[in-house]
Amino acid sequence: MEIHLDRFASLLSDAEEGRGADDSGVSPYLLGNLLYPYLEGESIRLDSLDYDAFSLTDLDCLFTFIGEIEDVHSKTHSKSEKLWKSSPAARPLRAFC
């Protein structure tokens, strides 16, 4: 696979910025006390959670969100692997004098 720098730069500039997964439907309690601390490598004590602060449907939303994060990570990793293994393409004409 060849990388054409001008096309690559154009695609990067057109890419949307922002999060790849939307956490707006996920319980803020679960995000702040369970998921984000876990992602930071902290130990989560299940007896320290306030089980009245969330419901079973909140857990379903959290699991859906985690699935979306995994999907975004997988796609990003796949594309970065392709870039890493590819070689740059030479321009047909000199770009500078």
PDB file of N, CA and C in Angstrom:
ATOM      1  N   MET A   1       0.836  -1.177   0.000  1.00  0.00           N
ATOM      2  CA  MET A   1       0.000   0.000   0.000  1.00  0.00           C
ATOM      3  C   MET A   1       0.882   1.241   0.000  1.00  0.00           C
ATOM      4  N   GLU A   2       0.567   2.181  -0.864  1.00  0.00           N
ATOM      5  CA  GLU A   2       1.322   3.422  -0.921  1.00  0.00           C
ATOM      6  C   GLU A   2       0.518   4.549  -0.274  1.00  0.00           C
ATOM      7  N   ILE A   3       1.217   5.433   0.388  1.00  0.00           N
ATOM      8  CA  ILE A   3       0.577   6.588   1.011  1.00  0.00           C
ATOM      9  C   ILE A   3       0.903   7.822   0.183  1.00  0.00           C
ATOM     10  N   HIS A   4      -0.119   8.486  -0.306  1.00  0.00           N
ATOM     11  CA  HIS A   4       0.061   9.753  -0.994  1.00  0.00           C
ATOM     12  C   HIS A   4      -0.177  10.850   0.029  1.00  0.00           C
ATOM     13  N   LEU A   5       0.890  11.569   0.376  1.00  0.00           N
ATOM     14  CA  LEU A   5       0.848  12.511   1.480  1.00  0.00           C
ATOM     15  C   LEU A   5      -0.211  13.589   1.300  1.00  0.00           C
ATOM     16  N   ASP A   6      -0.378  14.107   0.088  1.00  0.00           N
ATOM     17  CA  ASP A   6      -1.371  15.159  -0.108  1.00  0.00           C
ATOM     18  C   ASP A   6      -2.787  14.638   0.129  1.00  0.00           C
ATOM     19  N   ARG A   7      -3.067  13.415  -0.324  1.00  0.00           N
ATOM     20  CA  ARG A   7      -4.387  12.808  -0.097  1.00  0.00           C
ATOM     21  C   ARG A   7      -4.584  12.489   1.381  1.00  0.00           C
ATOM     22  N   PHE A   8      -3.541  11.997   2.019  1.00  0.00           N
ATOM     23  CA  PHE A   8      -3.600  11.665   3.440  1.00  0.00           C
ATOM     24  C   PHE A   8      -3.859  12.923   4.272  1.00  0.00           C
ATOM     25  N   ALA A   9      -3.149  14.009   3.957  1.00  0.00           N
ATOM     26  CA  ALA A   9      -3.344  15.273   4.673  1.00  0.00           C
ATOM     27  C   ALA A   9      -4.759  15.799   4.464  1.00  0.00           C
ATOM     28  N   SER A  10      -5.285  15.642   3.261  1.00  0.00           N
ATOM     29  CA  SER A  10      -6.650  16.077   2.968  1.00  0.00           C
ATOM     30  C   SER A  10      -7.662  15.278   3.789  1.00  0.00           C
ATOM     31  N   LEU A  11      -7.474  13.985   3.877  1.00  0.00           N
ATOM     32  CA  LEU A  11      -8.375  13.145   4.664  1.00  0.00           C
ATOM     33  C   LEU A  11      -8.308  13.495   6.142  1.00  0.00           C
ATOM     34  N   LEU A  12      -7.113  13.766   6.635  1.00  0.00           N
ATOM     35  CA  LEU A  12      -6.979  14.141   8.044  1.00  0.00           C
ATOM     36  C   LEU A  12      -7.669  15.468   8.334  1.00  0.00           C
ATOM     37  N   SER A  13      -7.541  16.429   7.423  1.00  0.00           N
ATOM     38  CA  SER A  13      -8.165  17.726   7.652  1.00  0.00           C
ATOM     39  C   SER A  13      -9.684  17.650   7.573  1.00  0.00           C
ATOM     40  N   ASP A  14     -10.213  16.692   6.805  1.00  0.00           N
ATOM     41  CA  ASP A  14     -11.660  16.530   6.683  1.00  0.00           C
ATOM     42  C   ASP A  14     -12.259  15.681   7.802  1.00  0.00           C
ATOM     43  N   ALA A  15     -11.413  15.005   8.560  1.00  0.00           N
ATOM     44  CA  ALA A  15     -11.912  14.118   9.614  1.00  0.00           C
ATOM     45  C   ALA A  15     -12.590  14.926  10.710  1.00  0.00           C
ATOM     46  N   GLU A  16     -13.658  14.364  11.236  1.00  0.00           N
ATOM     47  CA  GLU A  16     -14.380  15.021  12.316  1.00  0.00           C
ATOM     48  C   GLU A  16     -13.613  14.855  13.621  1.00  0.00           C
ATOM     49  N   GLU A  17     -13.593  15.928  14.398  1.00  0.00           N
ATOM     50  CA  GLU A  17     -12.975  15.850  15.712  1.00  0.00           C
ATOM     51  C   GLU A  17     -14.047  15.485  16.721  1.00  0.00           C
ATOM     52  N   GLY A  18     -13.624  14.943  17.816  1.00  0.00           N
ATOM     53  CA  GLY A  18     -14.569  14.598  18.869  1.00  0.00           C
ATOM     54  C   GLY A  18     -14.410  13.163  19.286  1.00  0.00           C
ATOM     55  N   ARG A  19     -15.295  12.766  20.140  1.00  0.00           N
ATOM     56  CA  ARG A  19     -15.244  11.409  20.667  1.00  0.00           C
ATOM     57  C   ARG A  19     -15.774  10.421  19.642  1.00  0.00           C
ATOM     58  N   GLY A  20     -15.281   9.217  19.715  1.00  0.00           N
ATOM     59  CA  GLY A  20     -15.757   8.191  18.822  1.00  0.00           C
ATOM     60  C   GLY A  20     -16.999   7.498  19.351  1.00  0.00           C
ATOM     61  N   ALA A  21     -17.227   7.587  20.646  1.00  0.00           N
ATOM     62  CA  ALA A  21     -18.394   6.961  21.259  1.00  0.00           C
ATOM     63  C   ALA A  21     -19.078   7.994  22.151  1.00  0.00           C
ATOM     64  N   ASP A  22     -20.389   7.962  22.155  1.00  0.00           N
ATOM     65  CA  ASP A  22     -21.170   8.945  22.902  1.00  0.00           C
ATOM     66  C   ASP A  22     -21.544   8.380  24.275  1.00  0.00           C
ATOM     67  N   ASP A  23     -21.078   9.052  25.333  1.00  0.00           N
ATOM     68  CA  ASP A  23     -21.381   8.587  26.684  1.00  0.00           C
ATOM     69  C   ASP A  23     -22.545   9.341  27.319  1.00  0.00           C
ATOM     70  N   SER A  24     -23.297  10.114  26.524  1.00  0.00           N
ATOM     71  CA  SER A  24     -24.366  10.932  27.090  1.00  0.00           C
ATOM     72  C   SER A  24     -25.502  10.105  27.685  1.00  0.00           C
ATOM     73  N   GLY A  25     -25.718   8.890  27.215  1.00  0.00           N
ATOM     74  CA  GLY A  25     -26.790   8.055  27.745  1.00  0.00           C
ATOM     75  C   GLY A  25     -26.373   7.177  28.905  1.00  0.00           C
ATOM     76  N   VAL A  26     -25.111   7.258  29.295  1.00  0.00           N
ATOM     77  CA  VAL A  26     -24.586   6.399  30.355  1.00  0.00           C
ATOM     78  C   VAL A  26     -24.665   7.140  31.689  1.00  0.00           C
ATOM     79  N   SER A  27     -24.981   6.411  32.722  1.00  0.00           N
ATOM     80  CA  SER A  27     -25.080   6.985  34.061  1.00  0.00           C
ATOM     81  C   SER A  27     -23.759   7.661  34.452  1.00  0.00           C
ATOM     82  N   PRO A  28     -23.816   8.951  34.809  1.00  0.00           N
ATOM     83  CA  PRO A  28     -22.593   9.635  35.255  1.00  0.00           C
ATOM     84  C   PRO A  28     -21.952   8.963  36.476  1.00  0.00           C
ATOM     85  N   TYR A  29     -22.782   8.372  37.323  1.00  0.00           N
ATOM     86  CA  TYR A  29     -22.242   7.672  38.495  1.00  0.00           C
ATOM     87  C   TYR A  29     -21.376   6.492  38.058  1.00  0.00           C
ATOM     88  N   LEU A  30     -21.882   5.702  37.115  1.00  0.00           N
ATOM     89  CA  LEU A  30     -21.126   4.535  36.653  1.00  0.00           C
ATOM     90  C   LEU A  30     -19.848   4.952  35.921  1.00  0.00           C
ATOM     91  N   LEU A  31     -19.938   6.032  35.148  1.00  0.00           N
ATOM     92  CA  LEU A  31     -18.743   6.513  34.456  1.00  0.00           C
ATOM     93  C   LEU A  31     -17.687   6.965  35.445  1.00  0.00           C
ATOM     94  N   GLY A  32     -18.104   7.781  36.420  1.00  0.00           N
ATOM     95  CA  GLY A  32     -17.146   8.372  37.358  1.00  0.00           C
ATOM     96  C   GLY A  32     -16.644   7.447  38.432  1.00  0.00           C
ATOM     97  N   ASN A  33     -17.441   6.442  38.786  1.00  0.00           N
ATOM     98  CA  ASN A  33     -17.061   5.571  39.896  1.00  0.00           C
ATOM     99  C   ASN A  33     -16.703   4.153  39.493  1.00  0.00           C
ATOM    100  N   LEU A  34     -16.941   3.822  38.232  1.00  0.00           N
ATOM    101  CA  LEU A  34     -16.657   2.455  37.807  1.00  0.00           C
ATOM    102  C   LEU A  34     -15.765   2.420  36.560  1.00  0.00           C
ATOM    103  N   LEU A  35     -16.262   2.947  35.451  1.00  0.00           N
ATOM    104  CA  LEU A  35     -15.545   2.787  34.186  1.00  0.00           C
ATOM    105  C   LEU A  35     -14.251   3.586  34.127  1.00  0.00           C
ATOM    106  N   TYR A  36     -14.323   4.901  34.330  1.00  0.00           N
ATOM    107  CA  TYR A  36     -13.120   5.721  34.175  1.00  0.00           C
ATOM    108  C   TYR A  36     -12.031   5.374  35.188  1.00  0.00           C
ATOM    109  N   PRO A  37     -12.371   5.126  36.457  1.00  0.00           N
ATOM    110  CA  PRO A  37     -11.303   4.657  37.368  1.00  0.00           C
ATOM    111  C   PRO A  37     -10.693   3.326  36.917  1.00  0.00           C
ATOM    112  N   TYR A  38     -11.539   2.432  36.410  1.00  0.00           N
ATOM    113  CA  TYR A  38     -11.033   1.149  35.918  1.00  0.00           C
ATOM    114  C   TYR A  38     -10.077   1.352  34.742  1.00  0.00           C
ATOM    115  N   LEU A  39     -10.451   2.239  33.816  1.00  0.00           N
ATOM    116  CA  LEU A  39      -9.593   2.505  32.663  1.00  0.00           C
ATOM    117  C   LEU A  39      -8.276   3.151  33.070  1.00  0.00           C
ATOM    118  N   GLU A  40      -8.254   3.841  34.200  1.00  0.00           N
ATOM    119  CA  GLU A  40      -7.026   4.447  34.712  1.00  0.00           C
ATOM    120  C   GLU A  40      -6.173   3.448  35.490  1.00  0.00           C
ATOM    121  N   GLY A  41      -6.655   2.215  35.628  1.00  0.00           N
ATOM    122  CA  GLY A  41      -5.887   1.172  36.308  1.00  0.00           C
ATOM    123  C   GLY A  41      -6.161   1.081  37.792  1.00  0.00           C
ATOM    124  N   GLU A  42      -7.156   1.808  38.266  1.00  0.00           N
ATOM    125  CA  GLU A  42      -7.478   1.762  39.690  1.00  0.00           C
ATOM    126  C   GLU A  42      -8.274   0.498  40.012  1.00  0.00           C
ATOM    127  N   SER A  43      -8.120   0.027  41.230  1.00  0.00           N
ATOM    128  CA  SER A  43      -8.909  -1.115  41.689  1.00  0.00           C
ATOM    129  C   SER A  43     -10.296  -0.619  42.085  1.00  0.00           C
ATOM    130  N   ILE A  44     -11.303  -1.359  41.709  1.00  0.00           N
ATOM    131  CA  ILE A  44     -12.680  -1.002  42.014  1.00  0.00           C
ATOM    132  C   ILE A  44     -13.204  -1.995  43.049  1.00  0.00           C
ATOM    133  N   ARG A  45     -13.570  -1.465  44.185  1.00  0.00           N
ATOM    134  CA  ARG A  45     -14.161  -2.313  45.225  1.00  0.00           C
ATOM    135  C   ARG A  45     -15.669  -2.304  45.043  1.00  0.00           C
ATOM    136  N   LEU A  46     -16.232  -3.462  44.797  1.00  0.00           N
ATOM    137  CA  LEU A  46     -17.661  -3.545  44.542  1.00  0.00           C
ATOM    138  C   LEU A  46     -18.487  -3.189  45.771  1.00  0.00           C
ATOM    139  N   ASP A  47     -17.927  -3.384  46.966  1.00  0.00           N
ATOM    140  CA  ASP A  47     -18.682  -3.028  48.164  1.00  0.00           C
ATOM    141  C   ASP A  47     -18.674  -1.517  48.430  1.00  0.00           C
ATOM    142  N   SER A  48     -17.875  -0.770  47.655  1.00  0.00           N
ATOM    143  CA  SER A  48     -17.853   0.683  47.834  1.00  0.00           C
ATOM    144  C   SER A  48     -18.837   1.400  46.906  1.00  0.00           C
ATOM    145  N   LEU A  49     -19.440   0.657  45.967  1.00  0.00           N
ATOM    146  CA  LEU A  49     -20.397   1.262  45.045  1.00  0.00           C
ATOM    147  C   LEU A  49     -21.739   1.485  45.725  1.00  0.00           C
ATOM    148  N   ASP A  50     -22.403   2.575  45.369  1.00  0.00           N
ATOM    149  CA  ASP A  50     -23.753   2.869  45.845  1.00  0.00           C
ATOM    150  C   ASP A  50     -24.729   2.274  44.834  1.00  0.00           C
ATOM    151  N   TYR A  51     -25.265   1.124  45.147  1.00  0.00           N
ATOM    152  CA  TYR A  51     -26.128   0.409  44.208  1.00  0.00           C
ATOM    153  C   TYR A  51     -27.477   1.093  44.009  1.00  0.00           C
ATOM    154  N   ASP A  52     -27.812   2.030  44.878  1.00  0.00           N
ATOM    155  CA  ASP A  52     -29.048   2.793  44.696  1.00  0.00           C
ATOM    156  C   ASP A  52     -28.853   3.936  43.701  1.00  0.00           C
ATOM    157  N   ALA A  53     -27.617   4.211  43.295  1.00  0.00           N
ATOM    158  CA  ALA A  53     -27.321   5.324  42.392  1.00  0.00           C
ATOM    159  C   ALA A  53     -27.499   4.954  40.920  1.00  0.00           C
ATOM    160  N   PHE A  54     -27.740   3.682  40.622  1.00  0.00           N
ATOM    161  CA  PHE A  54     -27.934   3.253  39.233  1.00  0.00           C
ATOM    162  C   PHE A  54     -28.863   2.050  39.192  1.00  0.00           C
ATOM    163  N   SER A  55     -29.368   1.763  37.990  1.00  0.00           N
ATOM    164  CA  SER A  55     -30.301   0.646  37.809  1.00  0.00           C
ATOM    165  C   SER A  55     -29.706  -0.377  36.835  1.00  0.00           C
ATOM    166  N   LEU A  56     -30.415  -1.452  36.630  1.00  0.00           N
ATOM    167  CA  LEU A  56     -29.947  -2.476  35.691  1.00  0.00           C
ATOM    168  C   LEU A  56     -29.912  -1.945  34.265  1.00  0.00           C
ATOM    169  N   THR A  57     -30.850  -1.071  33.908  1.00  0.00           N
ATOM    170  CA  THR A  57     -30.826  -0.491  32.565  1.00  0.00           C
ATOM    171  C   THR A  57     -29.613   0.417  32.386  1.00  0.00           C
ATOM    172  N   ASP A  58     -29.165   1.050  33.486  1.00  0.00           N
ATOM    173  CA  ASP A  58     -27.939   1.848  33.407  1.00  0.00           C
ATOM    174  C   ASP A  58     -26.738   0.963  33.085  1.00  0.00           C
ATOM    175  N   LEU A  59     -26.735  -0.243  33.627  1.00  0.00           N
ATOM    176  CA  LEU A  59     -25.648  -1.183  33.333  1.00  0.00           C
ATOM    177  C   LEU A  59     -25.685  -1.605  31.859  1.00  0.00           C
ATOM    178  N   ASP A  60     -26.895  -1.803  31.323  1.00  0.00           N
ATOM    179  CA  ASP A  60     -27.018  -2.134  29.899  1.00  0.00           C
ATOM    180  C   ASP A  60     -26.439  -1.016  29.038  1.00  0.00           C
ATOM    181  N   CYS A  61     -26.743   0.234  29.392  1.00  0.00           N
ATOM    182  CA  CYS A  61     -26.200   1.388  28.654  1.00  0.00           C
ATOM    183  C   CYS A  61     -24.679   1.424  28.762  1.00  0.00           C
ATOM    184  N   LEU A  62     -24.157   1.111  29.945  1.00  0.00           N
ATOM    185  CA  LEU A  62     -22.710   1.094  30.144  1.00  0.00           C
ATOM    186  C   LEU A  62     -22.060   0.024  29.273  1.00  0.00           C
ATOM    187  N   PHE A  63     -22.643  -1.160  29.220  1.00  0.00           N
ATOM    188  CA  PHE A  63     -22.080  -2.246  28.411  1.00  0.00           C
ATOM    189  C   PHE A  63     -22.132  -1.904  26.922  1.00  0.00           C
ATOM    190  N   THR A  64     -23.203  -1.240  26.490  1.00  0.00           N
ATOM    191  CA  THR A  64     -23.294  -0.793  25.100  1.00  0.00           C
ATOM    192  C   THR A  64     -22.203   0.218  24.800  1.00  0.00           C
ATOM    193  N   PHE A  65     -21.983   1.151  25.717  1.00  0.00           N
ATOM    194  CA  PHE A  65     -20.938   2.161  25.558  1.00  0.00           C
ATOM    195  C   PHE A  65     -19.560   1.514  25.488  1.00  0.00           C
ATOM    196  N   ILE A  66     -19.309   0.540  26.336  1.00  0.00           N
ATOM    197  CA  ILE A  66     -18.020  -0.170  26.321  1.00  0.00           C
ATOM    198  C   ILE A  66     -17.833  -0.878  24.983  1.00  0.00           C
ATOM    199  N   GLY A  67     -18.899  -1.459  24.443  1.00  0.00           N
ATOM    200  CA  GLY A  67     -18.828  -2.094  23.128  1.00  0.00           C
ATOM    201  C   GLY A  67     -18.478  -1.098  22.039  1.00  0.00           C
ATOM    202  N   GLU A  68     -19.048   0.109  22.127  1.00  0.00           N
ATOM    203  CA  GLU A  68     -18.732   1.155  21.149  1.00  0.00           C
ATOM    204  C   GLU A  68     -17.270   1.582  21.264  1.00  0.00           C
ATOM    205  N   ILE A  69     -16.777   1.698  22.482  1.00  0.00           N
ATOM    206  CA  ILE A  69     -15.373   2.052  22.688  1.00  0.00           C
ATOM    207  C   ILE A  69     -14.463   0.988  22.079  1.00  0.00           C
ATOM    208  N   GLU A  70     -14.799  -0.275  22.309  1.00  0.00           N
ATOM    209  CA  GLU A  70     -14.000  -1.371  21.751  1.00  0.00           C
ATOM    210  C   GLU A  70     -14.010  -1.336  20.228  1.00  0.00           C
ATOM    211  N   ASP A  71     -15.156  -1.009  19.644  1.00  0.00           N
ATOM    212  CA  ASP A  71     -15.271  -0.940  18.187  1.00  0.00           C
ATOM    213  C   ASP A  71     -14.394   0.188  17.639  1.00  0.00           C
ATOM    214  N   VAL A  72     -14.446   1.354  18.263  1.00  0.00           N
ATOM    215  CA  VAL A  72     -13.617   2.489  17.828  1.00  0.00           C
ATOM    216  C   VAL A  72     -12.140   2.138  17.970  1.00  0.00           C
ATOM    217  N   HIS A  73     -11.779   1.506  19.072  1.00  0.00           N
ATOM    218  CA  HIS A  73     -10.379   1.115  19.292  1.00  0.00           C
ATOM    219  C   HIS A  73      -9.925   0.132  18.220  1.00  0.00           C
ATOM    220  N   SER A  74     -10.762  -0.839  17.910  1.00  0.00           N
ATOM    221  CA  SER A  74     -10.404  -1.841  16.908  1.00  0.00           C
ATOM    222  C   SER A  74     -10.192  -1.206  15.540  1.00  0.00           C
ATOM    223  N   LYS A  75     -11.096  -0.298  15.142  1.00  0.00           N
ATOM    224  CA  LYS A  75     -10.963   0.357  13.841  1.00  0.00           C
ATOM    225  C   LYS A  75      -9.714   1.237  13.796  1.00  0.00           C
ATOM    226  N   THR A  76      -9.463   1.975  14.867  1.00  0.00           N
ATOM    227  CA  THR A  76      -8.284   2.844  14.917  1.00  0.00           C
ATOM    228  C   THR A  76      -7.007   2.018  14.863  1.00  0.00           C
ATOM    229  N   HIS A  77      -6.973   0.923  15.598  1.00  0.00           N
ATOM    230  CA  HIS A  77      -5.789   0.052  15.600  1.00  0.00           C
ATOM    231  C   HIS A  77      -5.553  -0.543  14.212  1.00  0.00           C
ATOM    232  N   SER A  78      -6.618  -0.973  13.561  1.00  0.00           N
ATOM    233  CA  SER A  78      -6.496  -1.553  12.228  1.00  0.00           C
ATOM    234  C   SER A  78      -5.923  -0.544  11.238  1.00  0.00           C
ATOM    235  N   LYS A  79      -6.436   0.685  11.279  1.00  0.00           N
ATOM    236  CA  LYS A  79      -5.943   1.707  10.354  1.00  0.00           C
ATOM    237  C   LYS A  79      -4.514   2.115  10.666  1.00  0.00           C
ATOM    238  N   SER A  80      -4.164   2.178  11.932  1.00  0.00           N
ATOM    239  CA  SER A  80      -2.784   2.540  12.265  1.00  0.00           C
ATOM    240  C   SER A  80      -1.810   1.439  11.851  1.00  0.00           C
ATOM    241  N   GLU A  81      -2.232   0.185  11.936  1.00  0.00           N
ATOM    242  CA  GLU A  81      -1.387  -0.921  11.477  1.00  0.00           C
ATOM    243  C   GLU A  81      -1.139  -0.815   9.970  1.00  0.00           C
ATOM    244  N   LYS A  82      -2.178  -0.474   9.211  1.00  0.00           N
ATOM    245  CA  LYS A  82      -2.019  -0.321   7.766  1.00  0.00           C
ATOM    246  C   LYS A  82      -1.042   0.810   7.458  1.00  0.00           C
ATOM    247  N   LEU A  83      -1.161   1.910   8.179  1.00  0.00           N
ATOM    248  CA  LEU A  83      -0.236   3.027   7.968  1.00  0.00           C
ATOM    249  C   LEU A  83       1.187   2.637   8.326  1.00  0.00           C
ATOM    250  N   TRP A  84       1.349   1.942   9.424  1.00  0.00           N
ATOM    251  CA  TRP A  84       2.676   1.561   9.889  1.00  0.00           C
ATOM    252  C   TRP A  84       3.377   0.633   8.895  1.00  0.00           C
ATOM    253  N   LYS A  85       2.612  -0.246   8.268  1.00  0.00           N
ATOM    254  CA  LYS A  85       3.200  -1.230   7.358  1.00  0.00           C
ATOM    255  C   LYS A  85       3.330  -0.722   5.921  1.00  0.00           C
ATOM    256  N   SER A  86       2.786   0.430   5.621  1.00  0.00           N
ATOM    257  CA  SER A  86       2.826   0.942   4.256  1.00  0.00           C
ATOM    258  C   SER A  86       4.078   1.763   4.016  1.00  0.00           C
ATOM    259  N   SER A  87       4.315   2.060   2.752  1.00  0.00           N
ATOM    260  CA  SER A  87       5.480   2.867   2.403  1.00  0.00           C
ATOM    261  C   SER A  87       5.011   4.141   1.699  1.00  0.00           C
ATOM    262  N   PRO A  88       5.727   5.230   1.882  1.00  0.00           N
ATOM    263  CA  PRO A  88       5.321   6.478   1.232  1.00  0.00           C
ATOM    264  C   PRO A  88       5.517   6.382  -0.281  1.00  0.00           C
ATOM    265  N   ALA A  89       4.666   7.086  -1.007  1.00  0.00           N
ATOM    266  CA  ALA A  89       4.765   7.108  -2.469  1.00  0.00           C
ATOM    267  C   ALA A  89       5.506   8.366  -2.898  1.00  0.00           C
ATOM    268  N   ALA A  90       6.415   8.193  -3.832  1.00  0.00           N
ATOM    269  CA  ALA A  90       7.171   9.338  -4.341  1.00  0.00           C
ATOM    270  C   ALA A  90       6.278  10.178  -5.248  1.00  0.00           C
ATOM    271  N   ARG A  91       6.477  11.484  -5.224  1.00  0.00           N
ATOM    272  CA  ARG A  91       5.728  12.375  -6.090  1.00  0.00           C
ATOM    273  C   ARG A  91       6.247  12.201  -7.529  1.00  0.00           C
ATOM    274  N   PRO A  92       5.371  12.306  -8.505  1.00  0.00           N
ATOM    275  CA  PRO A  92       5.806  12.147  -9.893  1.00  0.00           C
ATOM    276  C   PRO A  92       6.702  13.310 -10.366  1.00  0.00           C
ATOM    277  N   LEU A  93       6.513  14.501  -9.761  1.00  0.00           N
ATOM    278  CA  LEU A  93       7.321  15.665 -10.107  1.00  0.00           C
ATOM    279  C   LEU A  93       7.937  16.225  -8.835  1.00  0.00           C
ATOM    280  N   ARG A  94       9.035  16.952  -9.001  1.00  0.00           N
ATOM    281  CA  ARG A  94       9.645  17.579  -7.837  1.00  0.00           C
ATOM    282  C   ARG A  94       8.694  18.613  -7.247  1.00  0.00           C
ATOM    283  N   ALA A  95       8.595  18.629  -5.925  1.00  0.00           N
ATOM    284  CA  ALA A  95       7.680  19.547  -5.247  1.00  0.00           C
ATOM    285  C   ALA A  95       8.361  20.836  -4.840  1.00  0.00           C
ATOM    286  N   PHE A  96       9.687  20.882  -4.926  1.00  0.00           N
ATOM    287  CA  PHE A  96      10.423  22.101  -4.566  1.00  0.00           C
ATOM    288  C   PHE A  96      11.624  22.238  -5.475  1.00  0.00           C
ATOM    289  N   CYS A  97      12.161  23.415  -5.524  1.00  0.00           N
ATOM    290  CA  CYS A  97      13.318  23.657  -6.400  1.00  0.00           C
ATOM    291  C   CYS A  97      14.537  24.001  -5.581  1.00  0.00           C
TER     292      CYS A  97
END
